[in-house]
Amino acid sequence: MLIGYRVALGVHGIPEDFDFWSPGQGPFAEWLWQRLGHKYPS
């Protein structure tokens, strides 16, 4: 759903800080990898 949300932002040209897919992992995922102690993104 969040990927769809991000796609809709892009399609409609709506600027919004988006933490969940930018495309790619995004800030939340980068934070999560560190929080869970992973050395590399999943």
PDB file of all heavy atoms in Angstrom:
ATOM      1  N   MET A   1       0.830  -1.207   0.000  1.00  0.00           N
ATOM      2  CA  MET A   1       0.000   0.000   0.000  1.00  0.00           C
ATOM      3  C   MET A   1       0.863   1.255   0.000  1.00  0.00           C
ATOM      4  O   MET A   1       0.561   2.237  -0.685  1.00  0.00           O
ATOM      5  CB  MET A   1      -0.935   0.028   1.209  1.00  0.00           C
ATOM      6  CG  MET A   1      -2.159  -0.818   1.033  1.00  0.00           C
ATOM      7  SD  MET A   1      -3.398  -0.475   2.292  1.00  0.00           S
ATOM      8  CE  MET A   1      -2.633  -1.166   3.741  1.00  0.00           C
ATOM      9  N   LEU A   2       1.940   1.230   0.778  1.00  0.00           N
ATOM     10  CA  LEU A   2       2.804   2.404   0.843  1.00  0.00           C
ATOM     11  C   LEU A   2       3.541   2.627  -0.473  1.00  0.00           C
ATOM     12  O   LEU A   2       3.773   3.774  -0.870  1.00  0.00           O
ATOM     13  CB  LEU A   2       3.779   2.285   2.015  1.00  0.00           C
ATOM     14  CG  LEU A   2       3.118   2.355   3.391  1.00  0.00           C
ATOM     15  CD1 LEU A   2       4.149   2.118   4.486  1.00  0.00           C
ATOM     16  CD2 LEU A   2       2.400   3.674   3.598  1.00  0.00           C
ATOM     17  N   ILE A   3       3.893   1.562  -1.161  1.00  0.00           N
ATOM     18  CA  ILE A   3       4.493   1.723  -2.490  1.00  0.00           C
ATOM     19  C   ILE A   3       3.476   2.358  -3.429  1.00  0.00           C
ATOM     20  O   ILE A   3       3.794   3.279  -4.176  1.00  0.00           O
ATOM     21  CB  ILE A   3       5.023   0.378  -3.032  1.00  0.00           C
ATOM     22  CG1 ILE A   3       6.244  -0.069  -2.224  1.00  0.00           C
ATOM     23  CG2 ILE A   3       5.350   0.478  -4.524  1.00  0.00           C
ATOM     24  CD1 ILE A   3       6.700  -1.490  -2.495  1.00  0.00           C
ATOM     25  N   GLY A   4       2.229   1.895  -3.366  1.00  0.00           N
ATOM     26  CA  GLY A   4       1.174   2.508  -4.174  1.00  0.00           C
ATOM     27  C   GLY A   4       0.967   3.970  -3.828  1.00  0.00           C
ATOM     28  O   GLY A   4       0.763   4.809  -4.710  1.00  0.00           O
ATOM     29  N   TYR A   5       1.026   4.293  -2.552  1.00  0.00           N
ATOM     30  CA  TYR A   5       0.910   5.679  -2.095  1.00  0.00           C
ATOM     31  C   TYR A   5       2.011   6.518  -2.734  1.00  0.00           C
ATOM     32  O   TYR A   5       1.765   7.597  -3.274  1.00  0.00           O
ATOM     33  CB  TYR A   5       1.015   5.698  -0.571  1.00  0.00           C
ATOM     34  CG  TYR A   5       0.808   7.041   0.091  1.00  0.00           C
ATOM     35  CD1 TYR A   5      -0.335   7.287   0.838  1.00  0.00           C
ATOM     36  CD2 TYR A   5       1.767   8.044   0.027  1.00  0.00           C
ATOM     37  CE1 TYR A   5      -0.527   8.497   1.488  1.00  0.00           C
ATOM     38  CE2 TYR A   5       1.582   9.253   0.656  1.00  0.00           C
ATOM     39  CZ  TYR A   5       0.441   9.483   1.387  1.00  0.00           C
ATOM     40  OH  TYR A   5       0.261  10.686   2.020  1.00  0.00           O
ATOM     41  N   ARG A   6       3.247   5.992  -2.688  1.00  0.00           N
ATOM     42  CA  ARG A   6       4.392   6.726  -3.263  1.00  0.00           C
ATOM     43  C   ARG A   6       4.256   6.883  -4.769  1.00  0.00           C
ATOM     44  O   ARG A   6       4.554   7.940  -5.329  1.00  0.00           O
ATOM     45  CB  ARG A   6       5.698   6.009  -2.917  1.00  0.00           C
ATOM     46  CG  ARG A   6       6.937   6.598  -3.573  1.00  0.00           C
ATOM     47  CD  ARG A   6       7.162   8.043  -3.129  1.00  0.00           C
ATOM     48  NE  ARG A   6       8.301   8.621  -3.783  1.00  0.00           N
ATOM     49  CZ  ARG A   6       8.267   9.345  -4.909  1.00  0.00           C
ATOM     50  NH1 ARG A   6       7.123   9.556  -5.524  1.00  0.00           N
ATOM     51  NH2 ARG A   6       9.358   9.842  -5.418  1.00  0.00           N
ATOM     52  N   VAL A   7       3.796   5.849  -5.444  1.00  0.00           N
ATOM     53  CA  VAL A   7       3.589   5.924  -6.889  1.00  0.00           C
ATOM     54  C   VAL A   7       2.548   7.001  -7.213  1.00  0.00           C
ATOM     55  O   VAL A   7       2.731   7.805  -8.115  1.00  0.00           O
ATOM     56  CB  VAL A   7       3.191   4.550  -7.467  1.00  0.00           C
ATOM     57  CG1 VAL A   7       2.710   4.664  -8.899  1.00  0.00           C
ATOM     58  CG2 VAL A   7       4.367   3.577  -7.380  1.00  0.00           C
ATOM     59  N   ALA A   8       1.457   7.026  -6.440  1.00  0.00           N
ATOM     60  CA  ALA A   8       0.418   8.034  -6.667  1.00  0.00           C
ATOM     61  C   ALA A   8       0.967   9.440  -6.462  1.00  0.00           C
ATOM     62  O   ALA A   8       0.618  10.364  -7.219  1.00  0.00           O
ATOM     63  CB  ALA A   8      -0.777   7.775  -5.749  1.00  0.00           C
ATOM     64  N   LEU A   9       1.819   9.634  -5.463  1.00  0.00           N
ATOM     65  CA  LEU A   9       2.445  10.948  -5.282  1.00  0.00           C
ATOM     66  C   LEU A   9       3.214  11.351  -6.537  1.00  0.00           C
ATOM     67  O   LEU A   9       3.103  12.483  -7.007  1.00  0.00           O
ATOM     68  CB  LEU A   9       3.401  10.932  -4.080  1.00  0.00           C
ATOM     69  CG  LEU A   9       2.807  10.824  -2.690  1.00  0.00           C
ATOM     70  CD1 LEU A   9       3.931  10.673  -1.648  1.00  0.00           C
ATOM     71  CD2 LEU A   9       1.944  12.028  -2.357  1.00  0.00           C
ATOM     72  N   GLY A  10       3.991  10.406  -7.057  1.00  0.00           N
ATOM     73  CA  GLY A  10       4.782  10.684  -8.253  1.00  0.00           C
ATOM     74  C   GLY A  10       3.928  10.944  -9.474  1.00  0.00           C
ATOM     75  O   GLY A  10       4.178  11.889 -10.241  1.00  0.00           O
ATOM     76  N   VAL A  11       2.916  10.137  -9.687  1.00  0.00           N
ATOM     77  CA  VAL A  11       2.035  10.284 -10.849  1.00  0.00           C
ATOM     78  C   VAL A  11       1.345  11.642 -10.834  1.00  0.00           C
ATOM     79  O   VAL A  11       1.200  12.294 -11.868  1.00  0.00           O
ATOM     80  CB  VAL A  11       0.996   9.137 -10.889  1.00  0.00           C
ATOM     81  CG1 VAL A  11      -0.130   9.434 -11.863  1.00  0.00           C
ATOM     82  CG2 VAL A  11       1.676   7.824 -11.244  1.00  0.00           C
ATOM     83  N   HIS A  12       0.942  12.075  -9.653  1.00  0.00           N
ATOM     84  CA  HIS A  12       0.199  13.330  -9.537  1.00  0.00           C
ATOM     85  C   HIS A  12       1.088  14.526  -9.222  1.00  0.00           C
ATOM     86  O   HIS A  12       0.584  15.646  -9.052  1.00  0.00           O
ATOM     87  CB  HIS A  12      -0.905  13.191  -8.492  1.00  0.00           C
ATOM     88  CG  HIS A  12      -1.940  12.196  -8.900  1.00  0.00           C
ATOM     89  ND1 HIS A  12      -2.856  12.439  -9.903  1.00  0.00           N
ATOM     90  CD2 HIS A  12      -2.185  10.933  -8.477  1.00  0.00           C
ATOM     91  CE1 HIS A  12      -3.620  11.381 -10.064  1.00  0.00           C
ATOM     92  NE2 HIS A  12      -3.229  10.443  -9.222  1.00  0.00           N
ATOM     93  N   GLY A  13       2.406  14.307  -9.173  1.00  0.00           N
ATOM     94  CA  GLY A  13       3.341  15.399  -8.950  1.00  0.00           C
ATOM     95  C   GLY A  13       3.186  16.069  -7.596  1.00  0.00           C
ATOM     96  O   GLY A  13       3.359  17.274  -7.468  1.00  0.00           O
ATOM     97  N   ILE A  14       2.868  15.289  -6.586  1.00  0.00           N
ATOM     98  CA  ILE A  14       2.654  15.834  -5.246  1.00  0.00           C
ATOM     99  C   ILE A  14       3.942  15.682  -4.438  1.00  0.00           C
ATOM    100  O   ILE A  14       4.408  14.568  -4.199  1.00  0.00           O
ATOM    101  CB  ILE A  14       1.495  15.100  -4.537  1.00  0.00           C
ATOM    102  CG1 ILE A  14       0.208  15.270  -5.337  1.00  0.00           C
ATOM    103  CG2 ILE A  14       1.336  15.608  -3.100  1.00  0.00           C
ATOM    104  CD1 ILE A  14      -0.930  14.401  -4.870  1.00  0.00           C
ATOM    105  N   PRO A  15       4.517  16.799  -4.022  1.00  0.00           N
ATOM    106  CA  PRO A  15       5.735  16.711  -3.209  1.00  0.00           C
ATOM    107  C   PRO A  15       5.386  16.350  -1.763  1.00  0.00           C
ATOM    108  O   PRO A  15       4.509  16.945  -1.158  1.00  0.00           O
ATOM    109  CB  PRO A  15       6.317  18.122  -3.278  1.00  0.00           C
ATOM    110  CG  PRO A  15       5.150  19.011  -3.548  1.00  0.00           C
ATOM    111  CD  PRO A  15       4.150  18.185  -4.315  1.00  0.00           C
ATOM    112  N   GLU A  16       6.017  15.322  -1.248  1.00  0.00           N
ATOM    113  CA  GLU A  16       5.824  14.926   0.150  1.00  0.00           C
ATOM    114  C   GLU A  16       7.054  14.159   0.592  1.00  0.00           C
ATOM    115  O   GLU A  16       7.549  13.307  -0.147  1.00  0.00           O
ATOM    116  CB  GLU A  16       4.574  14.031   0.290  1.00  0.00           C
ATOM    117  CG  GLU A  16       4.327  13.579   1.714  1.00  0.00           C
ATOM    118  CD  GLU A  16       3.092  12.693   1.852  1.00  0.00           C
ATOM    119  OE1 GLU A  16       2.057  12.981   1.215  1.00  0.00           O
ATOM    120  OE2 GLU A  16       3.166  11.711   2.615  1.00  0.00           O
ATOM    121  N   ASP A  17       7.558  14.487   1.772  1.00  0.00           N
ATOM    122  CA  ASP A  17       8.626  13.674   2.334  1.00  0.00           C
ATOM    123  C   ASP A  17       8.049  12.284   2.551  1.00  0.00           C
ATOM    124  O   ASP A  17       6.978  12.137   3.137  1.00  0.00           O
ATOM    125  CB  ASP A  17       9.104  14.242   3.669  1.00  0.00           C
ATOM    126  CG  ASP A  17       9.923  15.508   3.508  1.00  0.00           C
ATOM    127  OD1 ASP A  17      10.481  15.722   2.423  1.00  0.00           O
ATOM    128  OD2 ASP A  17       9.992  16.285   4.474  1.00  0.00           O
ATOM    129  N   PHE A  18       8.754  11.286   2.051  1.00  0.00           N
ATOM    130  CA  PHE A  18       8.225   9.924   2.105  1.00  0.00           C
ATOM    131  C   PHE A  18       9.320   9.011   2.617  1.00  0.00           C
ATOM    132  O   PHE A  18      10.344   8.833   1.969  1.00  0.00           O
ATOM    133  CB  PHE A  18       7.736   9.495   0.720  1.00  0.00           C
ATOM    134  CG  PHE A  18       6.897   8.262   0.759  1.00  0.00           C
ATOM    135  CD1 PHE A  18       5.562   8.335   1.106  1.00  0.00           C
ATOM    136  CD2 PHE A  18       7.441   7.025   0.479  1.00  0.00           C
ATOM    137  CE1 PHE A  18       4.772   7.195   1.159  1.00  0.00           C
ATOM    138  CE2 PHE A  18       6.668   5.882   0.525  1.00  0.00           C
ATOM    139  CZ  PHE A  18       5.332   5.973   0.870  1.00  0.00           C
ATOM    140  N   ASP A  19       9.096   8.415   3.778  1.00  0.00           N
ATOM    141  CA  ASP A  19      10.129   7.644   4.469  1.00  0.00           C
ATOM    142  C   ASP A  19      10.179   6.164   4.121  1.00  0.00           C
ATOM    143  O   ASP A  19      11.061   5.462   4.587  1.00  0.00           O
ATOM    144  CB  ASP A  19       9.917   7.754   5.988  1.00  0.00           C
ATOM    145  CG  ASP A  19      10.098   9.179   6.485  1.00  0.00           C
ATOM    146  OD1 ASP A  19      10.984   9.878   5.975  1.00  0.00           O
ATOM    147  OD2 ASP A  19       9.335   9.576   7.390  1.00  0.00           O
ATOM    148  N   PHE A  20       9.249   5.675   3.291  1.00  0.00           N
ATOM    149  CA  PHE A  20       9.089   4.226   3.166  1.00  0.00           C
ATOM    150  C   PHE A  20       9.469   3.633   1.821  1.00  0.00           C
ATOM    151  O   PHE A  20       9.554   2.433   1.689  1.00  0.00           O
ATOM    152  CB  PHE A  20       7.640   3.846   3.521  1.00  0.00           C
ATOM    153  CG  PHE A  20       7.299   4.323   4.892  1.00  0.00           C
ATOM    154  CD1 PHE A  20       6.651   5.525   5.082  1.00  0.00           C
ATOM    155  CD2 PHE A  20       7.689   3.589   5.996  1.00  0.00           C
ATOM    156  CE1 PHE A  20       6.373   5.984   6.352  1.00  0.00           C
ATOM    157  CE2 PHE A  20       7.421   4.044   7.275  1.00  0.00           C
ATOM    158  CZ  PHE A  20       6.765   5.245   7.443  1.00  0.00           C
ATOM    159  N   TRP A  21       9.652   4.457   0.853  1.00  0.00           N
ATOM    160  CA  TRP A  21      10.088   3.970  -0.478  1.00  0.00           C
ATOM    161  C   TRP A  21      10.312   5.196  -1.323  1.00  0.00           C
ATOM    162  O   TRP A  21       9.411   6.002  -1.495  1.00  0.00           O
ATOM    163  CB  TRP A  21       9.022   3.078  -1.092  1.00  0.00           C
ATOM    164  CG  TRP A  21       9.418   2.429  -2.389  1.00  0.00           C
ATOM    165  CD1 TRP A  21      10.284   1.394  -2.544  1.00  0.00           C
ATOM    166  CD2 TRP A  21       8.943   2.757  -3.685  1.00  0.00           C
ATOM    167  NE1 TRP A  21      10.369   1.053  -3.860  1.00  0.00           N
ATOM    168  CE2 TRP A  21       9.558   1.885  -4.589  1.00  0.00           C
ATOM    169  CE3 TRP A  21       8.068   3.709  -4.198  1.00  0.00           C
ATOM    170  CZ2 TRP A  21       9.332   1.921  -5.959  1.00  0.00           C
ATOM    171  CZ3 TRP A  21       7.837   3.750  -5.541  1.00  0.00           C
ATOM    172  CH2 TRP A  21       8.468   2.863  -6.405  1.00  0.00           C
ATOM    173  N   SER A  22      11.507   5.364  -1.868  1.00  0.00           N
ATOM    174  CA  SER A  22      11.778   6.644  -2.479  1.00  0.00           C
ATOM    175  C   SER A  22      12.320   6.731  -3.899  1.00  0.00           C
ATOM    176  O   SER A  22      12.875   7.739  -4.184  1.00  0.00           O
ATOM    177  CB  SER A  22      12.737   7.427  -1.634  1.00  0.00           C
ATOM    178  OG  SER A  22      13.015   7.029  -0.428  1.00  0.00           O
ATOM    179  N   PRO A  23      12.272   5.960  -4.881  1.00  0.00           N
ATOM    180  CA  PRO A  23      12.189   4.503  -4.850  1.00  0.00           C
ATOM    181  C   PRO A  23      13.443   3.925  -4.207  1.00  0.00           C
ATOM    182  O   PRO A  23      14.458   4.573  -4.155  1.00  0.00           O
ATOM    183  CB  PRO A  23      12.088   4.109  -6.311  1.00  0.00           C
ATOM    184  CG  PRO A  23      12.668   5.244  -7.066  1.00  0.00           C
ATOM    185  CD  PRO A  23      12.477   6.472  -6.217  1.00  0.00           C
ATOM    186  N   GLY A  24      13.342   2.750  -3.774  1.00  0.00           N
ATOM    187  CA  GLY A  24      14.413   2.099  -3.033  1.00  0.00           C
ATOM    188  C   GLY A  24      13.941   1.859  -1.616  1.00  0.00           C
ATOM    189  O   GLY A  24      12.758   1.902  -1.340  1.00  0.00           O
ATOM    190  N   GLN A  25      14.855   1.639  -0.736  1.00  0.00           N
ATOM    191  CA  GLN A  25      14.479   1.290   0.628  1.00  0.00           C
ATOM    192  C   GLN A  25      13.897   2.472   1.388  1.00  0.00           C
ATOM    193  O   GLN A  25      12.897   2.343   2.049  1.00  0.00           O
ATOM    194  CB  GLN A  25      15.681   0.715   1.365  1.00  0.00           C
ATOM    195  CG  GLN A  25      16.172  -0.593   0.795  1.00  0.00           C
ATOM    196  CD  GLN A  25      15.221  -1.738   1.063  1.00  0.00           C
ATOM    197  OE1 GLN A  25      14.322  -1.660   1.879  1.00  0.00           O
ATOM    198  NE2 GLN A  25      15.411  -2.829   0.357  1.00  0.00           N
ATOM    199  N   GLY A  26      14.527   3.630   1.321  1.00  0.00           N
ATOM    200  CA  GLY A  26      14.019   4.804   2.012  1.00  0.00           C
ATOM    201  C   GLY A  26      14.558   4.952   3.423  1.00  0.00           C
ATOM    202  O   GLY A  26      15.156   4.037   3.984  1.00  0.00           O
ATOM    203  N   PRO A  27      14.345   6.133   4.028  1.00  0.00           N
ATOM    204  CA  PRO A  27      14.890   6.433   5.360  1.00  0.00           C
ATOM    205  C   PRO A  27      14.446   5.471   6.460  1.00  0.00           C
ATOM    206  O   PRO A  27      15.244   5.129   7.328  1.00  0.00           O
ATOM    207  CB  PRO A  27      14.373   7.849   5.639  1.00  0.00           C
ATOM    208  CG  PRO A  27      14.164   8.444   4.286  1.00  0.00           C
ATOM    209  CD  PRO A  27      13.721   7.307   3.411  1.00  0.00           C
ATOM    210  N   PHE A  28      13.179   5.044   6.454  1.00  0.00           N
ATOM    211  CA  PHE A  28      12.734   4.125   7.498  1.00  0.00           C
ATOM    212  C   PHE A  28      13.510   2.813   7.422  1.00  0.00           C
ATOM    213  O   PHE A  28      13.972   2.304   8.446  1.00  0.00           O
ATOM    214  CB  PHE A  28      11.226   3.863   7.393  1.00  0.00           C
ATOM    215  CG  PHE A  28      10.721   2.865   8.401  1.00  0.00           C
ATOM    216  CD1 PHE A  28      10.612   3.211   9.738  1.00  0.00           C
ATOM    217  CD2 PHE A  28      10.371   1.584   8.020  1.00  0.00           C
ATOM    218  CE1 PHE A  28      10.154   2.290  10.687  1.00  0.00           C
ATOM    219  CE2 PHE A  28       9.908   0.661   8.957  1.00  0.00           C
ATOM    220  CZ  PHE A  28       9.806   1.014  10.287  1.00  0.00           C
ATOM    221  N   ALA A  29      13.659   2.258   6.249  1.00  0.00           N
ATOM    222  CA  ALA A  29      14.381   0.991   6.098  1.00  0.00           C
ATOM    223  C   ALA A  29      15.843   1.146   6.492  1.00  0.00           C
ATOM    224  O   ALA A  29      16.402   0.275   7.179  1.00  0.00           O
ATOM    225  CB  ALA A  29      14.271   0.474   4.663  1.00  0.00           C
ATOM    226  N   GLU A  30      16.467   2.247   6.095  1.00  0.00           N
ATOM    227  CA  GLU A  30      17.867   2.470   6.466  1.00  0.00           C
ATOM    228  C   GLU A  30      18.014   2.550   7.986  1.00  0.00           C
ATOM    229  O   GLU A  30      18.930   1.979   8.564  1.00  0.00           O
ATOM    230  CB  GLU A  30      18.384   3.744   5.800  1.00  0.00           C
ATOM    231  CG  GLU A  30      18.486   3.598   4.291  1.00  0.00           C
ATOM    232  CD  GLU A  30      18.755   4.921   3.591  1.00  0.00           C
ATOM    233  OE1 GLU A  30      19.070   5.928   4.260  1.00  0.00           O
ATOM    234  OE2 GLU A  30      18.633   4.942   2.351  1.00  0.00           O
ATOM    235  N   TRP A  31      17.087   3.249   8.633  1.00  0.00           N
ATOM    236  CA  TRP A  31      17.085   3.330  10.097  1.00  0.00           C
ATOM    237  C   TRP A  31      16.871   1.941  10.699  1.00  0.00           C
ATOM    238  O   TRP A  31      17.543   1.563  11.662  1.00  0.00           O
ATOM    239  CB  TRP A  31      15.985   4.301  10.545  1.00  0.00           C
ATOM    240  CG  TRP A  31      15.785   4.339  12.019  1.00  0.00           C
ATOM    241  CD1 TRP A  31      16.453   5.113  12.911  1.00  0.00           C
ATOM    242  CD2 TRP A  31      14.858   3.541  12.777  1.00  0.00           C
ATOM    243  NE1 TRP A  31      15.997   4.850  14.190  1.00  0.00           N
ATOM    244  CE2 TRP A  31      15.016   3.885  14.133  1.00  0.00           C
ATOM    245  CE3 TRP A  31      13.905   2.581  12.445  1.00  0.00           C
ATOM    246  CZ2 TRP A  31      14.266   3.313  15.150  1.00  0.00           C
ATOM    247  CZ3 TRP A  31      13.157   1.999  13.450  1.00  0.00           C
ATOM    248  CH2 TRP A  31      13.343   2.361  14.789  1.00  0.00           C
ATOM    249  N   LEU A  32      15.928   1.191  10.137  1.00  0.00           N
ATOM    250  CA  LEU A  32      15.584  -0.130  10.655  1.00  0.00           C
ATOM    251  C   LEU A  32      16.769  -1.085  10.607  1.00  0.00           C
ATOM    252  O   LEU A  32      17.007  -1.832  11.552  1.00  0.00           O
ATOM    253  CB  LEU A  32      14.398  -0.719   9.886  1.00  0.00           C
ATOM    254  CG  LEU A  32      13.925  -2.085  10.356  1.00  0.00           C
ATOM    255  CD1 LEU A  32      13.320  -1.988  11.749  1.00  0.00           C
ATOM    256  CD2 LEU A  32      12.932  -2.671   9.371  1.00  0.00           C
ATOM    257  N   TRP A  33      17.526  -1.069   9.518  1.00  0.00           N
ATOM    258  CA  TRP A  33      18.662  -1.998   9.408  1.00  0.00           C
ATOM    259  C   TRP A  33      19.621  -1.747  10.559  1.00  0.00           C
ATOM    260  O   TRP A  33      20.111  -2.686  11.180  1.00  0.00           O
ATOM    261  CB  TRP A  33      19.400  -1.853   8.085  1.00  0.00           C
ATOM    262  CG  TRP A  33      18.562  -1.974   6.858  1.00  0.00           C
ATOM    263  CD1 TRP A  33      18.787  -1.318   5.676  1.00  0.00           C
ATOM    264  CD2 TRP A  33      17.379  -2.758   6.634  1.00  0.00           C
ATOM    265  NE1 TRP A  33      17.805  -1.644   4.770  1.00  0.00           N
ATOM    266  CE2 TRP A  33      16.934  -2.526   5.333  1.00  0.00           C
ATOM    267  CE3 TRP A  33      16.641  -3.626   7.426  1.00  0.00           C
ATOM    268  CZ2 TRP A  33      15.801  -3.126   4.794  1.00  0.00           C
ATOM    269  CZ3 TRP A  33      15.499  -4.221   6.904  1.00  0.00           C
ATOM    270  CH2 TRP A  33      15.108  -3.972   5.601  1.00  0.00           C
ATOM    271  N   GLN A  34      19.885  -0.472  10.833  1.00  0.00           N
ATOM    272  CA  GLN A  34      20.787  -0.159  11.950  1.00  0.00           C
ATOM    273  C   GLN A  34      20.157  -0.570  13.277  1.00  0.00           C
ATOM    274  O   GLN A  34      20.827  -1.137  14.137  1.00  0.00           O
ATOM    275  CB  GLN A  34      21.110   1.326  11.962  1.00  0.00           C
ATOM    276  CG  GLN A  34      21.952   1.754  10.795  1.00  0.00           C
ATOM    277  CD  GLN A  34      22.221   3.251  10.802  1.00  0.00           C
ATOM    278  OE1 GLN A  34      21.870   3.961  11.729  1.00  0.00           O
ATOM    279  NE2 GLN A  34      22.858   3.733   9.743  1.00  0.00           N
ATOM    280  N   ARG A  35      18.887  -0.290  13.452  1.00  0.00           N
ATOM    281  CA  ARG A  35      18.168  -0.595  14.706  1.00  0.00           C
ATOM    282  C   ARG A  35      18.171  -2.092  14.996  1.00  0.00           C
ATOM    283  O   ARG A  35      18.306  -2.511  16.137  1.00  0.00           O
ATOM    284  CB  ARG A  35      16.747  -0.052  14.603  1.00  0.00           C
ATOM    285  CG  ARG A  35      15.765  -0.466  15.671  1.00  0.00           C
ATOM    286  CD  ARG A  35      16.135   0.081  17.033  1.00  0.00           C
ATOM    287  NE  ARG A  35      15.126  -0.211  18.026  1.00  0.00           N
ATOM    288  CZ  ARG A  35      14.851  -1.405  18.532  1.00  0.00           C
ATOM    289  NH1 ARG A  35      15.505  -2.476  18.128  1.00  0.00           N
ATOM    290  NH2 ARG A  35      13.920  -1.549  19.449  1.00  0.00           N
ATOM    291  N   LEU A  36      18.031  -2.902  13.946  1.00  0.00           N
ATOM    292  CA  LEU A  36      18.010  -4.357  14.115  1.00  0.00           C
ATOM    293  C   LEU A  36      19.410  -4.975  14.089  1.00  0.00           C
ATOM    294  O   LEU A  36      19.560  -6.182  14.243  1.00  0.00           O
ATOM    295  CB  LEU A  36      17.129  -5.016  13.043  1.00  0.00           C
ATOM    296  CG  LEU A  36      15.648  -4.659  13.078  1.00  0.00           C
ATOM    297  CD1 LEU A  36      14.904  -5.357  11.940  1.00  0.00           C
ATOM    298  CD2 LEU A  36      15.018  -4.996  14.420  1.00  0.00           C
ATOM    299  N   GLY A  37      20.419  -4.144  13.876  1.00  0.00           N
ATOM    300  CA  GLY A  37      21.796  -4.624  13.903  1.00  0.00           C
ATOM    301  C   GLY A  37      22.261  -5.304  12.631  1.00  0.00           C
ATOM    302  O   GLY A  37      23.228  -6.062  12.661  1.00  0.00           O
ATOM    303  N   HIS A  38      21.595  -5.041  11.512  1.00  0.00           N
ATOM    304  CA  HIS A  38      22.020  -5.621  10.236  1.00  0.00           C
ATOM    305  C   HIS A  38      23.160  -4.801   9.647  1.00  0.00           C
ATOM    306  O   HIS A  38      23.141  -3.582   9.693  1.00  0.00           O
ATOM    307  CB  HIS A  38      20.870  -5.652   9.227  1.00  0.00           C
ATOM    308  CG  HIS A  38      19.726  -6.528   9.636  1.00  0.00           C
ATOM    309  ND1 HIS A  38      19.839  -7.886   9.798  1.00  0.00           N
ATOM    310  CD2 HIS A  38      18.436  -6.235   9.910  1.00  0.00           C
ATOM    311  CE1 HIS A  38      18.681  -8.392  10.146  1.00  0.00           C
ATOM    312  NE2 HIS A  38      17.800  -7.408  10.242  1.00  0.00           N
ATOM    313  N   LYS A  39      24.122  -5.495   9.079  1.00  0.00           N
ATOM    314  CA  LYS A  39      25.236  -4.803   8.434  1.00  0.00           C
ATOM    315  C   LYS A  39      24.874  -4.335   7.035  1.00  0.00           C
ATOM    316  O   LYS A  39      25.423  -3.366   6.536  1.00  0.00           O
ATOM    317  CB  LYS A  39      26.457  -5.706   8.383  1.00  0.00           C
ATOM    318  CG  LYS A  39      27.031  -6.002   9.748  1.00  0.00           C
ATOM    319  CD  LYS A  39      28.270  -6.848   9.651  1.00  0.00           C
ATOM    320  CE  LYS A  39      28.786  -7.125  11.050  1.00  0.00           C
ATOM    321  NZ  LYS A  39      30.051  -7.796  11.053  1.00  0.00           N
ATOM    322  N   TYR A  40      23.955  -5.039   6.404  1.00  0.00           N
ATOM    323  CA  TYR A  40      23.575  -4.730   5.029  1.00  0.00           C
ATOM    324  C   TYR A  40      22.058  -4.658   4.929  1.00  0.00           C
ATOM    325  O   TYR A  40      21.347  -5.351   5.654  1.00  0.00           O
ATOM    326  CB  TYR A  40      24.092  -5.809   4.068  1.00  0.00           C
ATOM    327  CG  TYR A  40      25.582  -6.003   4.145  1.00  0.00           C
ATOM    328  CD1 TYR A  40      26.122  -7.075   4.851  1.00  0.00           C
ATOM    329  CD2 TYR A  40      26.444  -5.093   3.547  1.00  0.00           C
ATOM    330  CE1 TYR A  40      27.492  -7.244   4.953  1.00  0.00           C
ATOM    331  CE2 TYR A  40      27.827  -5.258   3.643  1.00  0.00           C
ATOM    332  CZ  TYR A  40      28.339  -6.328   4.334  1.00  0.00           C
ATOM    333  OH  TYR A  40      29.691  -6.483   4.435  1.00  0.00           O
ATOM    334  N   PRO A  41      21.562  -3.863   3.984  1.00  0.00           N
ATOM    335  CA  PRO A  41      20.103  -3.824   3.783  1.00  0.00           C
ATOM    336  C   PRO A  41      19.581  -5.179   3.322  1.00  0.00           C
ATOM    337  O   PRO A  41      20.281  -5.938   2.664  1.00  0.00           O
ATOM    338  CB  PRO A  41      19.919  -2.788   2.670  1.00  0.00           C
ATOM    339  CG  PRO A  41      21.212  -2.094   2.509  1.00  0.00           C
ATOM    340  CD  PRO A  41      22.277  -2.955   3.101  1.00  0.00           C
ATOM    341  N   SER A  42      18.349  -5.450   3.673  1.00  0.00           N
ATOM    342  CA  SER A  42      17.711  -6.687   3.247  1.00  0.00           C
ATOM    343  C   SER A  42      17.063  -6.477   1.887  1.00  0.00           C
ATOM    344  O   SER A  42      16.322  -5.514   1.692  1.00  0.00           O
ATOM    345  CB  SER A  42      16.638  -7.103   4.254  1.00  0.00           C
ATOM    346  OG  SER A  42      15.853  -8.134   3.727  1.00  0.00           O
TER     347      SER A  42
END
